[in-house]
């Protein structure tokens, strides 16, 4: 059933027949003929309230990529954030929101709560989101493996446009933040704190960002205070702004990369992942990658809505767990120490263990044995650092959300379905320890000393 580690299924939606196929249409370096990325509708699952909603986000993702570049489900008025968990029903993350506004900023944005939500969605497909804002600015976003790029197109009748970047702003409450404007076209900083479903997620995240044009004016804000030419500021409800001459160019491109280790690593992620490519080039490359991955399953149906439904769900399967290590291999562990992943591997986070043990891990093991093996090794490494397996891991934090002991089930099923390249002995050690000892893992994880 495997052909060069790529599996192709022919699926008839009328009677759900799975037939293995050795006729692989997409060879290495050759784009598939079908545009699977355009069949995805990221709006599916993003509407409703409570259990009637899937809590998915509409923004841009890369297959298992580090960033989720999207309006937060829980605070869409703040703009485009760099991290979200797809399908999670509690406010969380939403760091470093970027928001374009027509004209100048005349007062402090504070926590960015008072801006209107976008007017409409122009496109929401795999790897691409295009929004029309309330003041008719067009906001296009896409991502690569460890960075994001946005293109803001300001109205032609406006002379100026401003881009806000919230450092001390997120979808939950932060404890600290910092932003430094390093030039008229770049900035960097970090944020710390947050929560998820009532549990503290005290991670630290860093960013580095740059524009393709120099701003005519720039400054920072904190609380009610906003000041032009002030190049750095710290604390919550803080950020920076860049005002551009949009008569010269109505389009401004914005690149951002993140790291959970350091600003220097964020800069390196940006340079190695996204240098010398503009928005259209990144979008083209990302669509090609999504077509390659989504095309591993080939579905035939006369009903286009059924095709959209299928490929959107397949797309959602390929978002989490997502890469957590930087391009140099470094990542922050559960013990808050800097670790380095083994060469040739990736370290993953965002394990929603309480529900994904049923079907997702088996699917990933069949189609992505290498990635699934790395995911299991990541869970094992987390247990080594924390003292036991996590139930629901966000960044490097075990939140303890939901019940049970799902990670042993996930590891066992992943192994059974073909992804076996991980440390089985250490995996079993933590399975046995979790089964025989009653010590509260959550208490142990949270008592681990921090060294940032």
Protein backbone atom coordinates (compact mmCIF):
# COMPACT_ATOMS: atom_id res chain seq x y z
CA UNK A 1 0.00 0.00 0.00
CA UNK A 2 3.07 2.26 0.12
CA UNK A 3 4.81 3.68 -2.90
CA UNK A 4 7.94 5.73 -2.14
CA UNK A 5 6.41 6.66 1.21
CA UNK A 6 3.46 8.29 -0.58
CA UNK A 7 0.01 6.76 -0.40
CA UNK A 8 -2.72 7.51 -2.91
CA UNK A 9 -6.32 6.46 -2.39
CA UNK A 10 -9.14 6.52 -4.85
CA UNK A 11 -12.31 7.19 -2.88
CA UNK A 12 -15.83 7.07 -4.21
CA UNK A 13 -17.98 9.21 -1.96
CA UNK A 14 -21.12 7.44 -3.09
CA UNK A 15 -20.26 4.14 -1.38
CA UNK A 16 -16.95 4.86 0.42
CA UNK A 17 -14.72 2.34 -1.37
CA UNK A 18 -10.97 2.58 -0.65
CA UNK A 19 -8.78 1.28 -3.44
CA UNK A 20 -4.96 1.51 -3.20
CA UNK A 21 -3.47 3.11 -6.26
CA UNK A 22 0.12 2.90 -7.55
CA UNK A 23 -0.52 5.51 -10.21
CA UNK A 24 1.05 8.49 -8.43
CA UNK A 25 0.24 11.63 -10.40
CA UNK A 26 2.57 13.87 -8.43
CA UNK A 27 6.20 12.86 -8.76
CA UNK A 28 9.00 14.60 -6.93
CA UNK A 29 9.25 18.19 -8.11
CA UNK A 30 6.11 17.93 -10.21
CA UNK A 31 3.01 19.86 -9.18
CA UNK A 32 -0.21 17.83 -9.13
CA UNK A 33 -2.68 18.69 -11.84
CA UNK A 34 -5.59 19.11 -9.44
CA UNK A 35 -5.67 22.30 -7.36
CA UNK A 36 -6.56 20.69 -4.05
CA UNK A 37 -5.71 23.85 -2.09
CA UNK A 38 -8.59 25.67 -3.76
CA UNK A 39 -11.00 22.92 -2.69
CA UNK A 40 -10.35 23.78 0.97
CA UNK A 41 -12.71 26.26 2.64
CA UNK A 42 -11.16 27.32 5.95
CA UNK A 43 -14.45 28.94 7.01
CA UNK A 44 -15.88 25.49 7.69
CA UNK A 45 -16.04 24.96 11.44
CA UNK A 46 -15.41 28.62 12.26
CA UNK A 47 -19.01 29.74 12.80
CA UNK A 48 -21.48 29.27 15.63
CA UNK A 49 -21.33 29.18 19.41
CA UNK A 50 -20.57 26.52 21.97
CA UNK A 51 -20.82 22.93 20.79
CA UNK A 52 -22.34 24.05 17.49
CA UNK A 53 -18.95 25.48 16.47
CA UNK A 54 -15.75 23.70 15.51
CA UNK A 55 -13.56 26.58 16.78
CA UNK A 56 -11.38 26.36 13.69
CA UNK A 57 -9.59 29.43 12.39
CA UNK A 58 -9.87 30.89 8.91
CA UNK A 59 -6.27 32.00 8.39
CA UNK A 60 -3.23 30.59 6.64
CA UNK A 61 -1.28 27.50 7.73
CA UNK A 62 1.58 25.46 6.30
CA UNK A 63 1.44 21.66 6.62
CA UNK A 64 2.47 21.04 10.27
CA UNK A 65 3.98 24.56 10.17
CA UNK A 66 5.17 26.60 13.11
CA UNK A 67 2.84 29.57 12.58
CA UNK A 68 -0.90 29.94 12.26
CA UNK A 69 -1.34 33.36 10.61
CA UNK A 70 -4.97 34.24 11.18
CA UNK A 71 -7.52 36.41 12.90
CA UNK A 72 -7.96 34.90 16.33
CA UNK A 73 -11.30 33.14 16.74
CA UNK A 74 -11.63 34.86 20.11
CA UNK A 75 -10.46 38.40 19.24
CA UNK A 76 -10.78 38.93 15.46
CA UNK A 77 -10.97 42.73 15.85
CA UNK A 78 -7.29 42.82 16.82
CA UNK A 79 -6.06 41.72 13.40
CA UNK A 80 -3.84 38.84 12.28
CA UNK A 81 -2.07 36.83 15.01
CA UNK A 82 0.80 34.33 14.78
CA UNK A 83 -0.48 31.35 16.77
CA UNK A 84 -3.78 29.54 17.30
CA UNK A 85 -4.90 26.02 18.08
CA UNK A 86 -7.35 24.70 15.53
CA UNK A 87 -10.51 23.38 17.18
CA UNK A 88 -9.80 24.56 20.74
CA UNK A 89 -12.86 26.04 22.42
CA UNK A 90 -11.19 28.36 24.98
CA UNK A 91 -9.43 31.69 24.37
CA UNK A 92 -5.69 31.20 24.03
CA UNK A 93 -2.51 32.51 22.40
CA UNK A 94 -3.17 35.14 19.70
CA UNK A 95 0.25 36.76 20.01
CA UNK A 96 1.62 39.75 18.06
CA UNK A 97 -1.53 40.83 16.21
CA UNK A 98 -0.87 42.97 13.14
CA UNK A 99 -3.62 45.31 11.95
CA UNK A 100 -3.65 47.69 8.94
CA UNK A 101 -5.70 50.88 9.20
CA UNK A 102 -6.28 53.59 6.63
CA UNK A 103 -4.69 56.93 7.54
CA UNK A 104 -2.74 57.79 10.68
CA UNK A 105 -3.23 56.46 14.19
CA UNK A 106 -4.52 59.34 16.31
CA UNK A 107 -4.71 57.74 19.77
CA UNK A 108 -3.23 54.79 21.60
CA UNK A 109 -4.58 51.40 20.42
CA UNK A 110 -4.13 50.14 24.03
CA UNK A 111 -5.24 46.47 23.94
CA UNK A 112 -6.54 46.77 20.34
CA UNK A 113 -10.06 45.87 21.47
CA UNK A 114 -11.83 48.88 19.98
CA UNK A 115 -11.21 48.26 16.28
CA UNK A 116 -13.95 46.86 14.04
CA UNK A 117 -13.78 43.29 12.85
CA UNK A 118 -13.02 42.78 9.16
CA UNK A 119 -15.84 43.54 6.73
CA UNK A 120 -15.67 40.42 4.61
CA UNK A 121 -13.70 37.35 3.55
CA UNK A 122 -12.48 37.49 -0.05
CA UNK A 123 -10.68 34.13 -0.05
CA UNK A 124 -10.17 31.40 2.55
CA UNK A 125 -8.32 28.43 1.07
CA UNK A 126 -5.38 26.25 2.10
CA UNK A 127 -2.45 28.58 2.77
CA UNK A 128 -4.25 31.79 1.84
CA UNK A 129 -6.60 34.26 3.48
CA UNK A 130 -7.77 37.53 1.96
CA UNK A 131 -9.88 39.98 3.96
CA UNK A 132 -11.53 43.30 3.28
CA UNK A 133 -11.28 45.48 6.36
CA UNK A 134 -13.94 47.96 7.50
CA UNK A 135 -11.98 50.89 6.06
CA UNK A 136 -11.52 49.01 2.74
CA UNK A 137 -7.90 48.02 3.28
CA UNK A 138 -7.24 44.64 1.66
CA UNK A 139 -5.35 42.25 3.93
CA UNK A 140 -3.81 39.18 2.24
CA UNK A 141 -1.85 36.63 4.30
CA UNK A 142 0.06 33.43 3.67
CA UNK A 143 2.76 31.45 5.46
CA UNK A 144 5.79 29.29 4.95
CA UNK A 145 7.19 26.67 7.33
CA UNK A 146 8.37 29.05 10.07
CA UNK A 147 7.26 32.53 9.03
CA UNK A 148 4.34 34.51 7.67
CA UNK A 149 3.91 37.26 5.12
CA UNK A 150 1.06 39.71 4.70
CA UNK A 151 0.26 42.12 1.90
CA UNK A 152 -1.75 45.20 2.85
CA UNK A 153 -3.32 47.16 -0.01
CA UNK A 154 -4.55 50.58 1.08
CA UNK A 155 -7.32 52.55 -0.67
CA UNK A 156 -6.02 54.56 -3.61
CA UNK A 157 -7.71 57.75 -2.40
CA UNK A 158 -5.81 57.73 0.91
CA UNK A 159 -2.40 59.32 1.29
CA UNK A 160 -1.29 57.36 4.31
CA UNK A 161 -1.73 53.94 5.87
CA UNK A 162 -0.68 52.66 9.27
CA UNK A 163 0.20 49.17 10.44
CA UNK A 164 -0.12 48.32 14.12
CA UNK A 165 1.85 45.51 15.80
CA UNK A 166 0.72 44.49 19.26
CA UNK A 167 3.56 43.21 21.46
CA UNK A 168 1.77 43.31 24.80
CA UNK A 169 -1.53 42.26 23.20
CA UNK A 170 -2.99 38.77 22.77
CA UNK A 171 -6.26 36.87 23.04
CA UNK A 172 -5.74 36.40 26.80
CA UNK A 173 -3.93 38.29 29.57
CA UNK A 174 -0.16 38.67 29.29
CA UNK A 175 2.27 39.24 32.14
CA UNK A 176 5.03 41.03 30.22
CA UNK A 177 6.06 42.17 26.75
CA UNK A 178 8.62 44.26 24.89
CA UNK A 179 8.95 45.79 21.43
CA UNK A 180 11.91 47.55 19.82
CA UNK A 181 11.79 49.40 16.49
CA UNK A 182 15.15 48.64 14.93
CA UNK A 183 14.74 50.70 11.74
CA UNK A 184 11.98 52.49 9.77
CA UNK A 185 11.16 49.09 8.29
CA UNK A 186 11.77 46.55 11.08
CA UNK A 187 11.04 45.66 14.69
CA UNK A 188 11.44 42.83 17.18
CA UNK A 189 10.30 41.83 20.64
CA UNK A 190 8.74 39.26 22.90
CA UNK A 191 5.68 38.49 25.01
CA UNK A 192 5.13 36.31 28.04
CA UNK A 193 2.12 34.80 29.76
CA UNK A 194 -1.39 33.79 28.80
CA UNK A 195 -3.88 31.12 29.76
CA UNK A 196 -5.97 28.34 28.27
CA UNK A 197 -9.30 27.15 29.66
CA UNK A 198 -8.47 28.73 33.02
CA UNK A 199 -4.94 27.30 33.23
CA UNK A 200 -1.88 29.51 33.06
CA UNK A 201 0.30 29.08 29.97
CA UNK A 202 3.30 31.11 30.98
CA UNK A 203 5.34 30.63 27.81
CA UNK A 204 7.59 33.25 26.25
CA UNK A 205 7.46 33.94 22.50
CA UNK A 206 9.79 36.14 20.42
CA UNK A 207 9.34 37.77 17.01
CA UNK A 208 11.26 39.58 14.29
CA UNK A 209 9.40 41.51 11.58
CA UNK A 210 10.21 43.66 8.57
CA UNK A 211 8.48 45.64 5.83
CA UNK A 212 9.41 45.97 2.18
CA UNK A 213 9.18 49.80 2.44
CA UNK A 214 10.47 52.33 4.92
CA UNK A 215 7.83 54.04 7.04
CA UNK A 216 7.58 57.83 6.98
CA UNK A 217 6.66 57.82 10.68
CA UNK A 218 6.86 55.27 13.45
CA UNK A 219 6.44 55.04 17.21
CA UNK A 220 5.24 52.97 20.14
CA UNK A 221 2.35 52.91 22.59
CA UNK A 222 1.63 51.60 26.06
CA UNK A 223 -1.73 51.91 27.75
CA UNK A 224 -3.08 55.38 26.96
CA UNK A 225 0.33 56.75 25.99
CA UNK A 226 1.44 56.91 22.36
CA UNK A 227 4.58 58.64 21.19
CA UNK A 228 6.11 59.18 17.77
CA UNK A 229 9.82 58.29 17.41
CA UNK A 230 9.92 56.38 20.71
CA UNK A 231 11.70 53.23 19.55
CA UNK A 232 11.08 50.82 22.41
CA UNK A 233 8.57 50.13 25.13
CA UNK A 234 7.78 47.31 27.55
CA UNK A 235 4.77 46.01 29.40
CA UNK A 236 1.24 44.87 28.64
CA UNK A 237 -1.09 46.77 26.28
CA UNK A 238 1.93 47.91 24.27
CA UNK A 239 2.99 47.86 20.65
CA UNK A 240 4.49 49.69 17.74
CA UNK A 241 3.10 51.45 14.69
CA UNK A 242 4.47 52.27 11.23
CA UNK A 243 2.84 54.88 8.97
CA UNK A 244 3.53 54.65 5.23
CA UNK A 245 3.15 57.04 2.31
CA UNK A 246 0.55 55.12 0.32
CA UNK A 247 0.57 57.65 -2.53
CA UNK A 248 3.99 56.30 -3.42
CA UNK A 249 2.88 52.67 -3.07
CA UNK A 250 -0.55 51.50 -2.00
CA UNK A 251 0.80 48.00 -1.24
CA UNK A 252 2.98 47.22 1.79
CA UNK A 253 4.34 43.75 2.54
CA UNK A 254 5.04 42.58 6.09
CA UNK A 255 7.12 39.54 7.05
CA UNK A 256 7.24 38.05 10.53
CA UNK A 257 8.91 35.01 12.06
CA UNK A 258 8.64 33.70 15.60
CA UNK A 259 10.71 31.65 18.01
CA UNK A 260 10.02 30.37 21.49
CA UNK A 261 13.77 30.54 22.26
CA UNK A 262 15.12 34.00 21.33
CA UNK A 263 14.89 37.05 19.09
CA UNK A 264 18.08 35.91 17.37
CA UNK A 265 16.44 32.61 16.44
CA UNK A 266 13.36 34.45 15.15
CA UNK A 267 15.64 36.55 12.93
CA UNK A 268 17.34 33.42 11.66
CA UNK A 269 13.99 31.75 10.99
CA UNK A 270 12.95 34.82 8.98
CA UNK A 271 16.19 34.99 7.03
CA UNK A 272 16.41 31.28 6.20
CA UNK A 273 12.71 30.67 5.67
CA UNK A 274 11.52 33.73 3.84
CA UNK A 275 14.36 35.90 2.55
CA UNK A 276 14.18 37.29 -0.99
CA UNK A 277 10.62 36.12 -1.60
CA UNK A 278 7.66 38.43 -1.98
CA UNK A 279 4.05 37.70 -1.07
CA UNK A 280 3.12 36.16 -4.39
CA UNK A 281 6.15 33.87 -4.42
CA UNK A 282 5.51 32.61 -0.90
CA UNK A 283 1.83 32.05 -1.72
CA UNK A 284 2.72 30.09 -4.85
CA UNK A 285 5.22 27.89 -2.99
CA UNK A 286 2.79 27.26 -0.13
CA UNK A 287 -0.07 26.37 -2.47
CA UNK A 288 2.25 23.93 -4.23
CA UNK A 289 3.11 22.31 -0.90
CA UNK A 290 -0.55 22.05 0.11
CA UNK A 291 -1.43 20.53 -3.27
CA UNK A 292 1.34 17.99 -2.76
CA UNK A 293 0.14 16.99 0.70
CA UNK A 294 -3.61 17.16 0.10
CA UNK A 295 -3.12 15.20 -3.12
CA UNK A 296 -2.01 12.16 -1.18
CA UNK A 297 -5.69 11.30 -1.04
CA UNK A 298 -7.58 11.47 -4.31
CA UNK A 299 -11.35 11.79 -4.07
CA UNK A 300 -13.83 11.62 -6.93
CA UNK A 301 -17.37 12.95 -6.67
CA UNK A 302 -19.92 14.76 -8.78
CA UNK A 303 -20.82 16.85 -5.74
CA UNK A 304 -18.40 19.80 -5.35
CA UNK A 305 -19.67 20.51 -1.83
CA UNK A 306 -18.70 16.98 -0.77
CA UNK A 307 -15.22 17.49 -2.22
CA UNK A 308 -14.85 20.77 -0.35
CA UNK A 309 -16.02 19.12 2.84
CA UNK A 310 -13.59 16.23 2.48
CA UNK A 311 -10.50 18.26 1.61
CA UNK A 312 -11.20 20.82 4.31
CA UNK A 313 -11.31 18.06 6.93
CA UNK A 314 -8.17 16.48 5.47
CA UNK A 315 -6.54 19.93 5.62
CA UNK A 316 -7.50 20.34 9.29
CA UNK A 317 -5.83 17.01 10.03
CA UNK A 318 -2.50 18.36 8.73
CA UNK A 319 -2.24 21.43 10.99
CA UNK A 320 -1.44 19.97 14.43
CA UNK A 321 0.73 18.76 16.00
CA UNK A 322 2.95 21.50 14.57
CA UNK A 323 6.67 22.20 14.46
CA UNK A 324 8.05 23.93 17.55
CA UNK A 325 11.82 23.98 17.00
CA UNK A 326 13.64 26.75 15.18
CA UNK A 327 15.51 26.26 11.95
CA UNK A 328 18.74 25.69 13.91
CA UNK A 329 17.09 22.84 15.82
CA UNK A 330 16.68 24.66 19.14
CA UNK A 331 13.45 24.60 21.14
CA UNK A 332 12.38 25.42 24.67
CA UNK A 333 11.57 22.29 26.65
CA UNK A 334 9.00 21.48 29.29
CA UNK A 335 11.75 22.23 31.84
CA UNK A 336 12.17 25.74 30.32
CA UNK A 337 15.72 24.89 29.25
CA UNK A 338 16.90 25.20 25.64
CA UNK A 339 17.24 21.83 23.93
CA UNK A 340 18.28 20.85 20.42
CA UNK A 341 16.43 18.30 18.37
CA UNK A 342 18.38 15.44 16.81
CA UNK A 343 19.62 16.30 13.32
CA UNK A 344 17.11 15.26 10.67
CA UNK A 345 14.16 15.43 13.05
CA UNK A 346 11.62 18.08 14.05
CA UNK A 347 10.21 18.76 17.51
CA UNK A 348 6.42 19.12 17.67
CA UNK A 349 3.92 20.68 20.04
CA UNK A 350 0.12 21.20 20.29
CA UNK A 351 -0.98 17.74 21.40
CA UNK A 352 -4.71 17.66 22.02
CA UNK A 353 -4.59 14.18 23.45
CA UNK A 354 -8.09 13.76 24.78
CA UNK A 355 -9.72 13.35 21.37
CA UNK A 356 -7.06 12.82 18.69
CA UNK A 357 -6.20 9.33 19.97
CA UNK A 358 -9.32 7.99 18.25
CA UNK A 359 -8.49 8.59 14.60
CA UNK A 360 -5.97 11.32 13.78
CA UNK A 361 -2.80 9.66 15.04
CA UNK A 362 -3.57 6.49 13.05
CA UNK A 363 -4.16 8.50 9.88
CA UNK A 364 -0.92 10.45 10.28
CA UNK A 365 1.02 7.25 10.99
CA UNK A 366 -0.15 5.76 7.68
CA UNK A 367 0.46 8.80 5.52
CA UNK A 368 3.29 10.51 7.43
CA UNK A 369 5.37 7.84 9.21
CA UNK A 370 8.43 10.09 9.50
CA UNK A 371 6.52 13.10 10.84
CA UNK A 372 4.38 10.92 13.11
CA UNK A 373 7.51 9.27 14.51
CA UNK A 374 8.95 12.72 15.26
CA UNK A 375 5.69 13.68 16.95
CA UNK A 376 5.89 10.65 19.22
CA UNK A 377 9.55 11.32 20.00
CA UNK A 378 8.57 14.88 20.88
CA UNK A 379 5.95 13.60 23.32
CA UNK A 380 8.54 11.26 24.85
CA UNK A 381 11.12 14.04 25.14
CA UNK A 382 8.47 16.22 26.80
CA UNK A 383 7.86 13.43 29.33
CA UNK A 384 11.58 13.16 30.01
CA UNK A 385 11.75 16.89 30.73
CA UNK A 386 8.47 17.16 32.68
CA UNK A 387 8.36 13.83 34.49
CA UNK A 388 5.49 12.33 32.54
CA UNK A 389 3.26 12.60 29.49
CA UNK A 390 1.04 15.61 28.89
CA UNK A 391 -2.67 15.53 28.17
CA UNK A 392 -2.94 18.80 26.26
CA UNK A 393 0.32 20.58 25.47
CA UNK A 394 0.40 24.19 24.28
CA UNK A 395 3.83 25.56 23.36
CA UNK A 396 6.07 24.01 26.08
CA UNK A 397 3.33 23.96 28.72
CA UNK A 398 1.25 21.03 29.94
CA UNK A 399 -2.13 22.66 30.52
CA UNK A 400 -3.76 19.59 32.05
CA UNK A 401 -6.98 20.29 30.16
CA UNK A 402 -9.45 17.39 29.90
CA UNK A 403 -9.17 13.95 31.48
CA UNK A 404 -7.63 10.54 31.11
CA UNK A 405 -4.20 9.35 29.98
CA UNK A 406 -4.35 9.60 26.18
CA UNK A 407 -0.68 9.79 25.20
CA UNK A 408 0.08 6.06 25.75
CA UNK A 409 -2.87 5.27 23.46
CA UNK A 410 -1.59 7.69 20.83
CA UNK A 411 1.94 6.27 20.97
CA UNK A 412 0.73 2.67 20.79
CA UNK A 413 -1.63 3.34 17.90
CA UNK A 414 0.99 5.35 16.01
CA UNK A 415 3.39 2.42 16.33
CA UNK A 416 0.72 -0.10 15.29
CA UNK A 417 -0.15 1.89 12.18
CA UNK A 418 3.41 2.07 10.88
CA UNK A 419 5.27 5.03 12.44
CA UNK A 420 7.89 3.30 14.59
CA UNK A 421 11.05 5.44 14.45
CA UNK A 422 11.11 6.63 18.06
CA UNK A 423 12.50 5.58 21.44
CA UNK A 424 10.19 2.73 22.36
CA UNK A 425 11.92 1.82 25.63
CA UNK A 426 11.67 5.36 27.02
CA UNK A 427 8.10 5.57 25.76
CA UNK A 428 7.24 2.43 27.74
CA UNK A 429 9.07 3.70 30.83
CA UNK A 430 6.73 6.69 31.07
CA UNK A 431 3.67 4.59 30.23
CA UNK A 432 4.48 2.25 33.11
CA UNK A 433 5.28 5.08 35.48
CA UNK A 434 2.01 6.84 34.65
CA UNK A 435 0.05 3.63 35.22
CA UNK A 436 1.66 2.66 38.54
CA UNK A 437 2.24 5.95 40.31
CA UNK A 438 -0.51 8.31 41.41
CA UNK A 439 1.54 11.50 41.66
CA UNK A 440 -0.20 14.35 39.90
CA UNK A 441 1.71 15.05 36.66
CA UNK A 442 0.22 18.51 36.38
CA UNK A 443 1.58 19.47 39.82
CA UNK A 444 4.97 18.09 38.87
CA UNK A 445 5.09 19.95 35.56
CA UNK A 446 4.14 23.23 37.17
CA UNK A 447 6.68 22.86 39.97
CA UNK A 448 9.52 22.44 37.47
CA UNK A 449 11.98 25.29 37.85
CA UNK A 450 12.14 27.91 35.12
CA UNK A 451 15.40 29.09 33.61
CA UNK A 452 14.76 31.48 30.73
